[in-house]
Amino acid sequence: MRLFLKDHQMLVGFYVLQMLLVPCVYWLSGEGRPMKIVLYGMLISTVVLLVYLVIRYFQLQAYYRLLEQPRKLVNEPFQTLGNSVVAEAIQELLHELERNRQNEMGQLRTSKEQQVVFMNRWVHQMKTPLSIIQLTLEDVEDETAGSIQDELDKLRKGLEMVLHSSRLEQFEGDFRVELLSLQEVLRSSIAENRRLFIRRGITPDIRMEGDLQIYSDSKWLRFMFTQILTNAVNYSDSKSGKKVIITGYKQEERTILDIQDEGIGISSEDIHRVFNPYFTGERGRQYHESTGMGLYLVREISARLDNRVELFSEPNEGTLVRFSWIHSKYPK
């Protein structure tokens, strides 16, 4: 109603002006018509105007109501706006805009899918030369072999990150949920990174309360653990006796996995931003090991697997990453 009145306030204003001018015209013309006739004419005109406004309001009632709720109008552009010419024209405009939007979204979706396919093929193609380099490196007994192996592992992990990043948008079609032994998945992740542990002189210390089982996807779970374990090793000082302590236990209705390092920790001003994409923070810039994507991917994957991930840290006191799952809960 408010929008309708605002839209017709100029019409009402001109009508009031007209009603004021009519008696003046009669008075100036000197025709001497009785005032009753003038007032009667003004009354008829007022009634006609009110009837017109009432009919117009009911014609455009749906139109004005939707205009007062622009968000609903954008989300539901194909609903009826009314039977007036203006409403039909606006509805046709909305239909055309919606068709254009759908076409653009289809083109963007197709382009995104092509980009993902290309990225996946490229990553798999790059794995072949990396495997050949790895085989060649096994026959080399030079001091530089260790440095080459370091860079080779970084390349391999970088390719895995690119591959999982590209698959994240199609996550629903790329995961399989099953009942997993948390300890087995964890040991598999540690085995994949054993060279990194050995090279940095860091020891994984696993402390599990029995055979904890969760519902999840083993591939994505290993990727998340690898990201956290890699961070734990990279941000730990290469001193003898340093450990990454991995603790699994049950707490009320949840299964908990804590991964605690004895590294440099995270500054208080960075702690709330570590899960943001491309954020490296003060420590990441200092050690040149961070891409700013590892923890972001861990958070995104955790959300899709319906588990919780939390991070606690103090400067020079190490970092604790906590995963938790509801007992026997099947991810959505």
Protein backbone atom coordinates (compact mmCIF):
# COMPACT_ATOMS: atom_id res chain seq x y z
CA MET A 1 0.00 0.00 0.00
CA ARG A 2 2.76 2.46 0.90
CA LEU A 3 4.54 1.98 -2.42
CA PHE A 4 1.23 2.28 -4.29
CA LEU A 5 0.46 5.61 -2.61
CA LYS A 6 3.95 6.91 -3.35
CA ASP A 7 3.57 5.92 -6.99
CA HIS A 8 0.25 7.81 -7.30
CA GLN A 9 0.98 10.81 -5.12
CA MET A 10 1.66 13.01 -8.17
CA LEU A 11 -1.73 12.05 -9.63
CA VAL A 12 -3.45 12.92 -6.35
CA GLY A 13 -1.47 16.15 -6.16
CA PHE A 14 -2.57 17.28 -9.64
CA TYR A 15 -6.15 16.27 -8.79
CA VAL A 16 -6.13 18.44 -5.67
CA LEU A 17 -4.71 21.33 -7.70
CA GLN A 18 -7.45 20.85 -10.26
CA MET A 19 -10.16 20.87 -7.59
CA LEU A 20 -8.77 24.19 -6.33
CA LEU A 21 -8.67 25.72 -9.80
CA VAL A 22 -12.19 24.77 -10.83
CA PRO A 23 -13.98 27.09 -8.35
CA CYS A 24 -11.53 29.86 -9.22
CA VAL A 25 -12.33 29.49 -12.92
CA TYR A 26 -16.07 29.70 -12.24
CA TRP A 27 -15.55 32.72 -10.02
CA LEU A 28 -13.37 34.52 -12.54
CA SER A 29 -15.70 33.73 -15.44
CA GLY A 30 -18.54 35.55 -13.69
CA GLU A 31 -21.09 32.96 -14.70
CA GLY A 32 -22.41 32.95 -11.18
CA ARG A 33 -23.11 29.21 -10.96
CA PRO A 34 -24.34 28.09 -7.54
CA MET A 35 -21.61 26.73 -5.30
CA LYS A 36 -23.69 23.57 -4.77
CA ILE A 37 -23.24 22.60 -8.41
CA VAL A 38 -19.49 23.21 -8.21
CA LEU A 39 -19.18 21.13 -5.04
CA TYR A 40 -21.34 18.41 -6.59
CA GLY A 41 -19.01 18.24 -9.58
CA MET A 42 -15.98 18.08 -7.32
CA LEU A 43 -17.59 15.27 -5.32
CA ILE A 44 -18.30 13.23 -8.46
CA SER A 45 -14.72 13.74 -9.64
CA THR A 46 -13.41 12.63 -6.24
CA VAL A 47 -15.55 9.50 -6.29
CA VAL A 48 -14.36 8.67 -9.80
CA LEU A 49 -10.75 9.13 -8.70
CA LEU A 50 -11.20 6.89 -5.64
CA VAL A 51 -12.87 4.18 -7.75
CA TYR A 52 -9.99 4.38 -10.21
CA LEU A 53 -7.40 4.10 -7.41
CA VAL A 54 -9.18 1.14 -5.81
CA ILE A 55 -9.40 -0.73 -9.13
CA ARG A 56 -5.80 0.15 -9.93
CA TYR A 57 -4.63 -1.05 -6.52
CA PHE A 58 -6.27 -4.45 -6.86
CA GLN A 59 -4.83 -4.79 -10.38
CA LEU A 60 -1.32 -4.05 -9.18
CA GLN A 61 -1.52 -5.42 -5.63
CA ALA A 62 0.81 -8.38 -6.28
CA TYR A 63 3.14 -6.13 -8.28
CA TYR A 64 3.61 -3.61 -5.47
CA ARG A 65 3.93 -6.27 -2.77
CA LEU A 66 6.78 -7.93 -4.64
CA LEU A 67 8.48 -4.61 -5.33
CA GLU A 68 8.56 -4.09 -1.57
CA GLN A 69 10.44 -7.43 -1.28
CA PRO A 70 13.20 -7.17 -3.92
CA ARG A 71 15.08 -10.23 -2.61
CA LYS A 72 12.01 -12.43 -3.10
CA LEU A 73 11.46 -10.93 -6.54
CA VAL A 74 15.02 -11.80 -7.58
CA ASN A 75 14.79 -15.34 -6.20
CA GLU A 76 11.36 -16.03 -7.72
CA PRO A 77 11.20 -14.01 -10.96
CA PHE A 78 8.55 -16.20 -12.64
CA GLN A 79 5.66 -15.52 -10.26
CA THR A 80 2.70 -13.44 -11.40
CA LEU A 81 3.01 -9.70 -10.86
CA GLY A 82 -0.50 -8.71 -11.93
CA ASN A 83 -2.58 -8.24 -15.05
CA SER A 84 -1.73 -4.65 -15.91
CA VAL A 85 0.36 -3.62 -18.91
CA VAL A 86 3.19 -2.34 -16.69
CA ALA A 87 3.26 -5.51 -14.57
CA GLU A 88 3.29 -7.73 -17.66
CA ALA A 89 6.11 -5.69 -19.20
CA ILE A 90 8.17 -5.88 -16.01
CA GLN A 91 7.51 -9.61 -15.73
CA GLU A 92 8.65 -10.14 -19.31
CA LEU A 93 11.80 -8.14 -18.52
CA LEU A 94 12.44 -10.33 -15.46
CA HIS A 95 11.97 -13.46 -17.55
CA GLU A 96 14.47 -12.23 -20.09
CA LEU A 97 16.99 -11.33 -17.37
CA GLU A 98 16.51 -14.76 -15.78
CA ARG A 99 17.06 -16.50 -19.13
CA ASN A 100 20.25 -14.49 -19.67
CA ARG A 101 21.40 -15.33 -16.14
CA GLN A 102 20.76 -19.02 -16.66
CA ASN A 103 22.67 -18.95 -19.95
CA GLU A 104 25.62 -17.20 -18.31
CA MET A 105 25.60 -19.65 -15.41
CA GLY A 106 25.54 -22.55 -17.87
CA GLN A 107 28.51 -21.12 -19.75
CA LEU A 108 30.42 -20.53 -16.51
CA ARG A 109 29.61 -24.05 -15.31
CA THR A 110 30.80 -25.55 -18.59
CA SER A 111 33.97 -23.46 -18.49
CA LYS A 112 34.59 -24.52 -14.87
CA GLU A 113 34.10 -28.20 -15.71
CA GLN A 114 36.50 -27.92 -18.65
CA GLN A 115 39.05 -26.23 -16.41
CA VAL A 116 38.73 -29.00 -13.81
CA VAL A 117 39.12 -31.71 -16.46
CA PHE A 118 42.18 -29.97 -17.89
CA MET A 119 43.69 -29.52 -14.42
CA ASN A 120 43.14 -33.17 -13.52
CA ARG A 121 44.72 -34.36 -16.78
CA TRP A 122 47.65 -32.00 -16.36
CA VAL A 123 48.31 -33.20 -12.79
CA HIS A 124 48.22 -36.84 -13.86
CA GLN A 125 50.55 -36.09 -16.77
CA MET A 126 52.99 -34.39 -14.41
CA LYS A 127 53.01 -37.44 -12.15
CA THR A 128 54.68 -39.52 -14.87
CA PRO A 129 57.89 -37.46 -15.11
CA LEU A 130 57.98 -37.20 -11.32
CA SER A 131 57.87 -41.00 -11.06
CA ILE A 132 60.69 -41.28 -13.61
CA ILE A 133 62.78 -38.75 -11.67
CA GLN A 134 62.07 -40.71 -8.47
CA LEU A 135 63.26 -43.97 -10.06
CA THR A 136 66.36 -42.28 -11.46
CA LEU A 137 67.10 -40.69 -8.09
CA GLU A 138 67.16 -44.09 -6.37
CA ASP A 139 70.29 -44.99 -8.36
CA VAL A 140 72.08 -41.76 -7.44
CA GLU A 141 74.37 -41.82 -4.41
CA ASP A 142 75.38 -38.19 -4.49
CA GLU A 143 75.06 -35.64 -1.70
CA THR A 144 72.70 -33.62 -3.87
CA ALA A 145 70.26 -36.54 -4.05
CA GLY A 146 68.73 -35.53 -0.71
CA SER A 147 68.10 -31.98 -1.88
CA ILE A 148 66.57 -33.22 -5.11
CA GLN A 149 64.36 -35.59 -3.13
CA ASP A 150 63.18 -32.67 -0.97
CA GLU A 151 62.15 -30.67 -4.00
CA LEU A 152 60.58 -33.73 -5.57
CA ASP A 153 58.41 -34.29 -2.51
CA LYS A 154 57.36 -30.62 -2.58
CA LEU A 155 56.36 -30.95 -6.24
CA ARG A 156 54.37 -34.09 -5.52
CA LYS A 157 52.53 -32.51 -2.60
CA GLY A 158 51.89 -29.38 -4.64
CA LEU A 159 50.33 -31.43 -7.42
CA GLU A 160 48.16 -33.28 -4.91
CA MET A 161 46.97 -29.95 -3.51
CA VAL A 162 46.09 -28.68 -6.99
CA LEU A 163 44.25 -31.92 -7.76
CA HIS A 164 42.19 -31.86 -4.57
CA SER A 165 41.47 -28.15 -4.94
CA SER A 166 40.04 -28.69 -8.41
CA ARG A 167 37.94 -31.62 -7.20
CA LEU A 168 36.50 -29.71 -4.28
CA GLU A 169 33.76 -28.13 -6.41
CA GLN A 170 32.61 -31.61 -7.46
CA PHE A 171 33.03 -33.14 -4.05
CA GLU A 172 29.65 -34.90 -3.95
CA GLY A 173 30.60 -37.06 -6.91
CA ASP A 174 34.14 -37.79 -5.74
CA PHE A 175 33.83 -39.34 -2.30
CA ARG A 176 32.80 -42.68 -0.84
CA VAL A 177 31.86 -42.96 2.81
CA GLU A 178 32.72 -46.13 4.70
CA LEU A 179 33.54 -47.25 8.21
CA LEU A 180 37.26 -46.63 8.71
CA SER A 181 39.84 -47.43 11.33
CA LEU A 182 41.19 -44.04 12.33
CA GLN A 183 44.54 -45.52 13.33
CA GLU A 184 45.02 -47.27 9.97
CA VAL A 185 44.28 -44.10 7.98
CA LEU A 186 46.62 -42.13 10.22
CA ARG A 187 49.46 -44.64 9.89
CA SER A 188 48.99 -44.59 6.12
CA SER A 189 49.33 -40.79 6.09
CA ILE A 190 52.47 -40.99 8.23
CA ALA A 191 53.95 -43.65 5.94
CA GLU A 192 53.38 -41.41 2.91
CA ASN A 193 55.38 -38.68 4.66
CA ARG A 194 58.03 -40.82 6.37
CA ARG A 195 60.86 -39.26 4.35
CA LEU A 196 59.82 -35.82 5.57
CA PHE A 197 59.81 -37.01 9.20
CA ILE A 198 63.23 -38.67 8.80
CA ARG A 199 64.75 -35.71 6.98
CA ARG A 200 63.62 -33.24 9.65
CA GLY A 201 64.46 -35.56 12.56
CA ILE A 202 60.88 -35.46 13.87
CA THR A 203 59.27 -38.54 15.45
CA PRO A 204 55.53 -39.28 15.22
CA ASP A 205 54.18 -40.43 18.58
CA ILE A 206 50.81 -42.19 18.21
CA ARG A 207 48.66 -42.64 21.30
CA MET A 208 45.30 -44.22 20.47
CA GLU A 209 42.66 -45.46 22.88
CA GLY A 210 41.83 -48.74 21.16
CA ASP A 211 40.67 -49.13 17.57
CA LEU A 212 38.67 -45.95 16.99
CA GLN A 213 36.33 -46.12 14.00
CA ILE A 214 34.61 -43.32 12.12
CA TYR A 215 32.50 -42.89 9.00
CA SER A 216 34.42 -40.93 6.38
CA ASP A 217 36.21 -41.05 3.02
CA SER A 218 39.71 -42.49 3.28
CA LYS A 219 41.18 -40.52 0.36
CA TRP A 220 40.03 -37.11 1.58
CA LEU A 221 40.84 -38.03 5.17
CA ARG A 222 44.44 -38.94 4.26
CA PHE A 223 44.78 -35.68 2.36
CA MET A 224 43.67 -33.67 5.41
CA PHE A 225 45.99 -35.58 7.74
CA THR A 226 48.87 -35.09 5.29
CA GLN A 227 48.34 -31.32 5.29
CA ILE A 228 48.36 -31.15 9.09
CA LEU A 229 51.31 -33.52 9.49
CA THR A 230 53.32 -31.62 6.88
CA ASN A 231 52.66 -28.35 8.69
CA ALA A 232 53.56 -29.94 12.03
CA VAL A 233 56.93 -31.10 10.67
CA ASN A 234 57.75 -28.01 8.61
CA TYR A 235 57.11 -25.63 11.51
CA SER A 236 59.06 -27.68 14.04
CA ASP A 237 62.72 -27.03 14.75
CA SER A 238 64.97 -29.77 13.41
CA LYS A 239 66.27 -30.72 16.82
CA SER A 240 66.78 -34.22 18.14
CA GLY A 241 63.90 -35.43 20.25
CA LYS A 242 61.18 -33.25 18.73
CA LYS A 243 57.87 -35.07 18.30
CA VAL A 244 54.48 -34.80 16.69
CA ILE A 245 52.13 -36.25 19.27
CA ILE A 246 48.97 -37.82 17.83
CA THR A 247 46.27 -38.69 20.35
CA GLY A 248 42.97 -40.43 19.64
CA TYR A 249 40.23 -40.87 22.21
CA LYS A 250 36.49 -40.74 22.81
CA GLN A 251 34.85 -37.86 24.62
CA GLU A 252 31.12 -38.08 25.33
CA GLU A 253 29.41 -38.52 21.94
CA ARG A 254 32.46 -37.61 19.81
CA THR A 255 35.64 -39.31 18.59
CA ILE A 256 38.60 -36.94 18.95
CA LEU A 257 41.95 -36.87 17.16
CA ASP A 258 44.56 -34.36 18.35
CA ILE A 259 47.71 -33.65 16.31
CA GLN A 260 50.12 -31.66 18.50
CA ASP A 261 53.51 -30.42 17.34
CA GLU A 262 56.36 -28.89 19.32
CA GLY A 263 57.02 -26.15 16.80
CA ILE A 264 57.06 -22.39 16.57
CA GLY A 265 53.33 -21.88 17.06
CA ILE A 266 51.13 -19.16 15.60
CA SER A 267 50.97 -15.53 16.66
CA SER A 268 47.79 -14.30 18.34
CA GLU A 269 47.00 -11.85 15.52
CA ASP A 270 47.11 -14.68 12.95
CA ILE A 271 45.27 -17.43 14.84
CA HIS A 272 41.81 -16.38 13.63
CA ARG A 273 42.86 -16.14 9.98
CA VAL A 274 44.79 -19.35 9.41
CA PHE A 275 41.82 -21.04 7.72
CA ASN A 276 41.44 -18.22 5.18
CA PRO A 277 42.58 -19.05 1.63
CA TYR A 278 46.10 -17.88 0.68
CA PHE A 279 46.79 -16.58 4.19
CA THR A 280 50.36 -17.44 5.23
CA GLY A 281 50.83 -15.25 8.27
CA GLU A 282 54.02 -14.13 9.94
CA ARG A 283 55.36 -17.67 10.49
CA GLY A 284 54.63 -18.74 6.93
CA ARG A 285 56.54 -15.80 5.50
CA GLN A 286 59.37 -16.51 7.89
CA TYR A 287 59.79 -20.17 6.94
CA HIS A 288 58.75 -19.87 3.25
CA GLU A 289 56.93 -23.22 3.52
CA SER A 290 53.33 -22.08 3.41
CA THR A 291 51.08 -21.71 0.37
CA GLY A 292 48.15 -20.50 2.45
CA MET A 293 45.88 -23.22 1.02
CA GLY A 294 46.50 -26.26 3.23
CA LEU A 295 44.39 -25.29 6.26
CA TYR A 296 41.75 -23.72 4.02
CA LEU A 297 41.30 -27.02 2.17
CA VAL A 298 41.24 -28.91 5.47
CA ARG A 299 38.40 -26.70 6.71
CA GLU A 300 36.43 -27.02 3.46
CA ILE A 301 36.83 -30.79 3.30
CA SER A 302 35.91 -31.13 6.98
CA ALA A 303 32.69 -29.23 6.37
CA ARG A 304 31.78 -31.55 3.50
CA LEU A 305 32.68 -34.68 5.47
CA ASP A 306 30.65 -33.36 8.41
CA ASN A 307 33.48 -33.45 10.93
CA ARG A 308 34.77 -30.59 13.07
CA VAL A 309 38.28 -29.12 12.89
CA GLU A 310 39.72 -26.72 15.45
CA LEU A 311 43.14 -25.15 15.92
CA PHE A 312 44.84 -23.99 19.13
CA SER A 313 48.27 -22.41 19.28
CA GLU A 314 50.60 -20.15 21.21
CA PRO A 315 53.83 -18.59 19.89
CA ASN A 316 56.80 -20.90 20.57
CA GLU A 317 54.48 -23.38 22.32
CA GLY A 318 53.46 -25.48 19.33
CA THR A 319 50.13 -25.98 17.58
CA LEU A 320 47.27 -28.37 18.27
CA VAL A 321 44.85 -29.32 15.49
CA ARG A 322 41.79 -31.19 16.70
CA PHE A 323 39.51 -33.29 14.50
CA SER A 324 36.27 -34.65 15.94
CA TRP A 325 33.47 -36.88 14.66
CA ILE A 326 30.12 -37.74 16.18
CA HIS A 327 30.00 -41.44 17.04
CA SER A 328 28.63 -43.54 14.20
CA LYS A 329 27.40 -40.49 12.33
CA TYR A 330 27.20 -40.97 8.57
CA PRO A 331 28.26 -37.80 6.65
CA LYS A 332 25.58 -36.12 4.59
